[in-house]
């Protein structure tokens, strides 16, 4: 991931802000985006199922994302585990907002 200063600028039509950084293995949800703490840093994933667009739910007990519509399941890194979805979850661009001490996901 590339970290840039972006406070006050938008390089894309939509952005979602997160004020906290999730710890390794922690998942935070905001406005259709999952922000996941991974060993290498942070990962931002769209909450839309790549199958037909239903909103994926995070199952903390199983540590995976699940589609309530058709049963597709994905790992914490967005990899397809099972179900009718043929693609992985969509990885979103993540930028650190240094001035505001937060994180923004751009899509």
N, C-alpha and C. Protein backbone atom coordinates (compact mmCIF):
# COMPACT_ATOMS: atom_id res chain seq x y z
N UNK A 1 0.83 -1.17 0.00
CA UNK A 1 0.00 0.00 0.00
C UNK A 1 0.88 1.25 0.00
N UNK A 2 0.39 2.28 -0.63
CA UNK A 2 1.11 3.54 -0.68
C UNK A 2 0.41 4.51 0.26
N UNK A 3 1.17 5.11 1.17
CA UNK A 3 0.62 6.06 2.14
C UNK A 3 0.87 7.47 1.61
N UNK A 4 -0.20 8.28 1.57
CA UNK A 4 -0.08 9.66 1.10
C UNK A 4 -0.89 10.57 2.01
N UNK A 5 -0.53 11.84 1.98
CA UNK A 5 -1.36 12.84 2.67
C UNK A 5 -2.54 13.15 1.76
N UNK A 6 -3.77 13.06 2.29
CA UNK A 6 -4.91 13.39 1.45
C UNK A 6 -5.97 14.21 2.18
N UNK A 7 -5.75 14.61 3.39
CA UNK A 7 -6.77 15.35 4.12
C UNK A 7 -7.20 16.56 3.30
N UNK A 8 -8.50 16.65 3.07
CA UNK A 8 -9.02 17.79 2.33
C UNK A 8 -9.05 17.59 0.83
N UNK A 9 -8.56 16.49 0.33
CA UNK A 9 -8.64 16.25 -1.11
C UNK A 9 -9.29 14.90 -1.37
N UNK A 10 -9.95 14.81 -2.48
CA UNK A 10 -10.60 13.56 -2.85
C UNK A 10 -10.15 13.18 -4.24
N UNK A 11 -9.53 12.02 -4.38
CA UNK A 11 -9.07 11.60 -5.69
C UNK A 11 -10.07 10.68 -6.37
N UNK A 12 -11.20 10.48 -5.74
CA UNK A 12 -12.18 9.55 -6.24
C UNK A 12 -13.55 9.97 -5.72
N UNK A 13 -14.62 9.52 -6.35
CA UNK A 13 -15.95 9.99 -5.96
C UNK A 13 -16.37 9.68 -4.51
N UNK A 14 -15.93 8.59 -3.95
CA UNK A 14 -16.38 8.20 -2.62
C UNK A 14 -15.20 7.93 -1.70
N UNK A 15 -15.34 8.32 -0.44
CA UNK A 15 -14.32 7.98 0.55
C UNK A 15 -15.00 7.68 1.88
N UNK A 16 -14.40 6.80 2.64
CA UNK A 16 -14.88 6.43 3.97
C UNK A 16 -13.73 6.64 4.93
N UNK A 17 -14.00 7.30 6.04
CA UNK A 17 -12.95 7.59 7.02
C UNK A 17 -13.06 6.67 8.22
N UNK A 18 -11.91 6.29 8.75
CA UNK A 18 -11.82 5.50 9.97
C UNK A 18 -10.91 6.26 10.93
N UNK A 19 -11.35 6.45 12.15
CA UNK A 19 -10.56 7.22 13.11
C UNK A 19 -9.60 6.36 13.91
N UNK A 20 -9.80 5.06 13.86
CA UNK A 20 -8.92 4.17 14.62
C UNK A 20 -8.28 3.14 13.71
N UNK A 21 -7.17 2.61 14.17
CA UNK A 21 -6.44 1.58 13.44
C UNK A 21 -6.73 0.24 14.10
N UNK A 22 -7.28 -0.73 13.35
CA UNK A 22 -7.55 -2.05 13.94
C UNK A 22 -6.25 -2.80 14.25
N UNK A 23 -6.25 -3.53 15.34
CA UNK A 23 -5.12 -4.39 15.69
C UNK A 23 -5.10 -5.59 14.75
N UNK A 24 -4.00 -6.34 14.75
CA UNK A 24 -3.88 -7.53 13.92
C UNK A 24 -5.05 -8.47 14.19
N UNK A 25 -5.79 -8.82 13.15
CA UNK A 25 -6.93 -9.72 13.26
C UNK A 25 -8.24 -9.04 13.60
N UNK A 26 -8.21 -7.75 13.92
CA UNK A 26 -9.43 -7.02 14.26
C UNK A 26 -10.07 -6.49 12.98
N UNK A 27 -11.41 -6.46 12.96
CA UNK A 27 -12.17 -5.99 11.81
C UNK A 27 -13.07 -4.85 12.24
N UNK A 28 -13.02 -3.74 11.50
CA UNK A 28 -13.88 -2.59 11.75
C UNK A 28 -14.71 -2.34 10.50
N UNK A 29 -16.00 -2.02 10.69
CA UNK A 29 -16.89 -1.76 9.56
C UNK A 29 -17.37 -0.31 9.59
N UNK A 30 -17.42 0.31 8.41
CA UNK A 30 -17.98 1.65 8.29
C UNK A 30 -18.44 1.87 6.85
N UNK A 31 -19.71 2.19 6.68
CA UNK A 31 -20.27 2.60 5.39
C UNK A 31 -19.90 1.69 4.22
N UNK A 32 -20.09 0.40 4.38
CA UNK A 32 -19.84 -0.54 3.29
C UNK A 32 -18.40 -0.95 3.08
N UNK A 33 -17.55 -0.64 4.05
CA UNK A 33 -16.13 -0.98 3.94
C UNK A 33 -15.67 -1.67 5.22
N UNK A 34 -14.91 -2.75 5.05
CA UNK A 34 -14.26 -3.42 6.18
C UNK A 34 -12.79 -3.01 6.20
N UNK A 35 -12.31 -2.57 7.36
CA UNK A 35 -10.90 -2.27 7.55
C UNK A 35 -10.35 -3.35 8.48
N UNK A 36 -9.34 -4.07 8.02
CA UNK A 36 -8.82 -5.23 8.74
C UNK A 36 -7.36 -5.00 9.09
N UNK A 37 -7.01 -5.29 10.34
CA UNK A 37 -5.62 -5.25 10.76
C UNK A 37 -4.96 -6.56 10.38
N UNK A 38 -3.90 -6.50 9.59
CA UNK A 38 -3.15 -7.70 9.18
C UNK A 38 -1.69 -7.49 9.58
N UNK A 39 -0.93 -8.56 9.62
CA UNK A 39 0.47 -8.48 10.06
C UNK A 39 1.27 -7.46 9.26
N UNK A 40 0.97 -7.32 7.98
CA UNK A 40 1.71 -6.40 7.13
C UNK A 40 1.18 -4.97 7.19
N UNK A 41 0.11 -4.72 7.96
CA UNK A 41 -0.45 -3.36 8.08
C UNK A 41 -1.95 -3.36 8.13
N UNK A 42 -2.56 -2.80 7.11
CA UNK A 42 -4.02 -2.69 7.03
C UNK A 42 -4.50 -3.14 5.67
N UNK A 43 -5.74 -3.63 5.64
CA UNK A 43 -6.37 -4.05 4.40
C UNK A 43 -7.78 -3.50 4.41
N UNK A 44 -8.20 -2.89 3.31
CA UNK A 44 -9.56 -2.37 3.16
C UNK A 44 -10.28 -3.20 2.10
N UNK A 45 -11.45 -3.71 2.46
CA UNK A 45 -12.23 -4.55 1.55
C UNK A 45 -13.65 -4.01 1.41
N UNK A 46 -14.18 -4.08 0.20
CA UNK A 46 -15.58 -3.73 -0.02
C UNK A 46 -16.45 -4.78 0.65
N UNK A 47 -17.54 -4.32 1.26
CA UNK A 47 -18.48 -5.23 1.92
C UNK A 47 -19.47 -5.84 0.92
N UNK A 48 -19.34 -5.52 -0.34
CA UNK A 48 -20.25 -6.07 -1.36
C UNK A 48 -19.75 -7.42 -1.84
N UNK A 49 -20.64 -8.39 -1.85
CA UNK A 49 -20.28 -9.72 -2.34
C UNK A 49 -20.04 -9.63 -3.85
N UNK A 50 -18.94 -10.19 -4.34
CA UNK A 50 -18.66 -10.13 -5.77
C UNK A 50 -19.61 -10.99 -6.61
N UNK A 51 -20.44 -11.79 -5.97
CA UNK A 51 -21.39 -12.62 -6.71
C UNK A 51 -22.53 -11.77 -7.26
N UNK A 52 -23.37 -11.23 -6.37
CA UNK A 52 -24.50 -10.40 -6.83
C UNK A 52 -24.65 -9.11 -6.04
N UNK A 53 -23.67 -8.76 -5.23
CA UNK A 53 -23.67 -7.46 -4.58
C UNK A 53 -24.33 -7.35 -3.22
N UNK A 54 -24.74 -8.46 -2.61
CA UNK A 54 -25.31 -8.39 -1.26
C UNK A 54 -24.23 -7.93 -0.28
N UNK A 55 -24.65 -7.32 0.83
CA UNK A 55 -23.67 -6.88 1.82
C UNK A 55 -23.18 -8.05 2.65
N UNK A 56 -21.88 -8.26 2.64
CA UNK A 56 -21.27 -9.34 3.41
C UNK A 56 -21.29 -9.02 4.89
N UNK A 57 -21.47 -10.04 5.70
CA UNK A 57 -21.43 -9.91 7.15
C UNK A 57 -20.15 -10.54 7.66
N UNK A 58 -19.58 -9.96 8.71
CA UNK A 58 -18.39 -10.55 9.31
C UNK A 58 -18.81 -11.47 10.44
N UNK A 59 -18.37 -12.71 10.39
CA UNK A 59 -18.64 -13.68 11.44
C UNK A 59 -17.37 -13.79 12.29
N UNK A 60 -17.38 -13.14 13.46
CA UNK A 60 -16.20 -13.09 14.31
C UNK A 60 -15.82 -14.47 14.85
N UNK A 61 -16.81 -15.31 15.12
CA UNK A 61 -16.54 -16.65 15.66
C UNK A 61 -15.76 -17.50 14.65
N UNK A 62 -16.12 -17.40 13.38
CA UNK A 62 -15.45 -18.17 12.32
C UNK A 62 -14.32 -17.39 11.65
N UNK A 63 -14.21 -16.10 11.98
CA UNK A 63 -13.20 -15.21 11.40
C UNK A 63 -13.24 -15.23 9.88
N UNK A 64 -14.46 -15.00 9.36
CA UNK A 64 -14.64 -14.94 7.91
C UNK A 64 -15.84 -14.08 7.57
N UNK A 65 -15.89 -13.66 6.30
CA UNK A 65 -17.02 -12.89 5.79
C UNK A 65 -17.98 -13.85 5.12
N UNK A 66 -19.28 -13.61 5.33
CA UNK A 66 -20.29 -14.50 4.78
C UNK A 66 -21.38 -13.69 4.08
N UNK A 67 -21.84 -14.22 2.96
CA UNK A 67 -22.92 -13.59 2.22
C UNK A 67 -24.25 -14.16 2.70
N UNK A 68 -25.14 -13.32 3.23
CA UNK A 68 -26.42 -13.81 3.71
C UNK A 68 -27.37 -14.21 2.58
N UNK A 69 -27.08 -13.77 1.36
CA UNK A 69 -27.98 -14.06 0.24
C UNK A 69 -27.77 -15.43 -0.39
N UNK A 70 -26.52 -15.80 -0.66
CA UNK A 70 -26.25 -17.04 -1.39
C UNK A 70 -25.17 -17.91 -0.77
N UNK A 71 -24.64 -17.51 0.40
CA UNK A 71 -23.74 -18.38 1.14
C UNK A 71 -22.27 -18.34 0.81
N UNK A 72 -21.83 -17.45 -0.05
CA UNK A 72 -20.39 -17.36 -0.31
C UNK A 72 -19.66 -16.98 0.97
N UNK A 73 -18.43 -17.48 1.11
CA UNK A 73 -17.62 -17.17 2.29
C UNK A 73 -16.22 -16.77 1.85
N UNK A 74 -15.63 -15.82 2.65
CA UNK A 74 -14.34 -15.25 2.30
C UNK A 74 -13.47 -15.17 3.55
N UNK A 75 -12.17 -15.30 3.36
CA UNK A 75 -11.21 -15.18 4.47
C UNK A 75 -11.07 -13.73 4.90
N UNK A 76 -10.32 -13.51 5.97
CA UNK A 76 -10.06 -12.14 6.45
C UNK A 76 -9.30 -11.31 5.42
N UNK A 77 -8.62 -11.94 4.50
CA UNK A 77 -7.90 -11.21 3.45
C UNK A 77 -8.73 -11.10 2.17
N UNK A 78 -10.00 -11.56 2.22
CA UNK A 78 -10.90 -11.43 1.09
C UNK A 78 -10.84 -12.55 0.08
N UNK A 79 -10.11 -13.63 0.39
CA UNK A 79 -10.02 -14.76 -0.54
C UNK A 79 -11.29 -15.60 -0.47
N UNK A 80 -11.79 -16.02 -1.63
CA UNK A 80 -12.99 -16.84 -1.72
C UNK A 80 -12.72 -18.20 -1.10
N UNK A 81 -13.59 -18.62 -0.17
CA UNK A 81 -13.46 -19.93 0.47
C UNK A 81 -14.47 -20.93 -0.08
N UNK A 82 -15.71 -20.46 -0.27
CA UNK A 82 -16.73 -21.35 -0.85
C UNK A 82 -17.94 -20.53 -1.26
N UNK A 83 -18.84 -21.17 -2.00
CA UNK A 83 -20.07 -20.52 -2.43
C UNK A 83 -20.06 -20.19 -3.91
N UNK A 84 -21.13 -19.56 -4.38
CA UNK A 84 -21.26 -19.28 -5.82
C UNK A 84 -20.38 -18.14 -6.33
N UNK A 85 -19.85 -17.31 -5.47
CA UNK A 85 -18.97 -16.22 -5.93
C UNK A 85 -17.75 -16.82 -6.63
N UNK A 86 -17.39 -16.25 -7.75
CA UNK A 86 -16.23 -16.73 -8.52
C UNK A 86 -14.99 -15.87 -8.28
N UNK A 87 -15.18 -14.68 -7.70
CA UNK A 87 -14.07 -13.75 -7.49
C UNK A 87 -13.81 -13.54 -6.01
N UNK A 88 -12.67 -12.93 -5.73
CA UNK A 88 -12.30 -12.53 -4.36
C UNK A 88 -13.08 -11.26 -4.01
N UNK A 89 -13.08 -10.89 -2.73
CA UNK A 89 -13.63 -9.60 -2.34
C UNK A 89 -12.79 -8.50 -2.97
N UNK A 90 -13.38 -7.35 -3.21
CA UNK A 90 -12.67 -6.24 -3.83
C UNK A 90 -11.80 -5.51 -2.80
N UNK A 91 -10.50 -5.42 -3.10
CA UNK A 91 -9.57 -4.68 -2.25
C UNK A 91 -9.67 -3.21 -2.66
N UNK A 92 -9.80 -2.33 -1.66
CA UNK A 92 -9.95 -0.90 -1.91
C UNK A 92 -8.66 -0.16 -1.56
N UNK A 93 -8.46 0.96 -2.20
CA UNK A 93 -7.27 1.78 -1.94
C UNK A 93 -7.38 2.40 -0.55
N UNK A 94 -6.31 2.32 0.19
CA UNK A 94 -6.27 2.84 1.55
C UNK A 94 -5.18 3.89 1.63
N UNK A 95 -5.51 5.03 2.20
CA UNK A 95 -4.52 6.10 2.38
C UNK A 95 -4.55 6.55 3.82
N UNK A 96 -3.40 6.79 4.35
CA UNK A 96 -3.31 7.31 5.71
C UNK A 96 -3.48 8.81 5.67
N UNK A 97 -4.31 9.33 6.53
CA UNK A 97 -4.58 10.75 6.62
C UNK A 97 -3.77 11.28 7.79
N UNK A 98 -2.55 11.72 7.53
CA UNK A 98 -1.62 12.13 8.59
C UNK A 98 -2.12 13.35 9.36
N UNK A 99 -2.63 14.33 8.65
CA UNK A 99 -3.07 15.56 9.31
C UNK A 99 -4.24 15.30 10.26
N UNK A 100 -5.14 14.44 9.87
CA UNK A 100 -6.33 14.16 10.69
C UNK A 100 -6.14 12.92 11.56
N UNK A 101 -4.98 12.29 11.49
CA UNK A 101 -4.66 11.09 12.27
C UNK A 101 -5.70 10.00 12.12
N UNK A 102 -6.06 9.70 10.91
CA UNK A 102 -7.02 8.65 10.63
C UNK A 102 -6.68 7.96 9.32
N UNK A 103 -7.62 7.21 8.80
CA UNK A 103 -7.44 6.47 7.57
C UNK A 103 -8.64 6.71 6.69
N UNK A 104 -8.40 6.82 5.38
CA UNK A 104 -9.48 6.97 4.42
C UNK A 104 -9.38 5.87 3.40
N UNK A 105 -10.53 5.33 3.04
CA UNK A 105 -10.62 4.33 1.99
C UNK A 105 -11.27 5.02 0.80
N UNK A 106 -10.65 4.93 -0.35
CA UNK A 106 -11.11 5.59 -1.56
C UNK A 106 -11.61 4.53 -2.54
N UNK A 107 -12.81 4.76 -3.07
CA UNK A 107 -13.32 3.86 -4.11
C UNK A 107 -14.30 4.58 -4.99
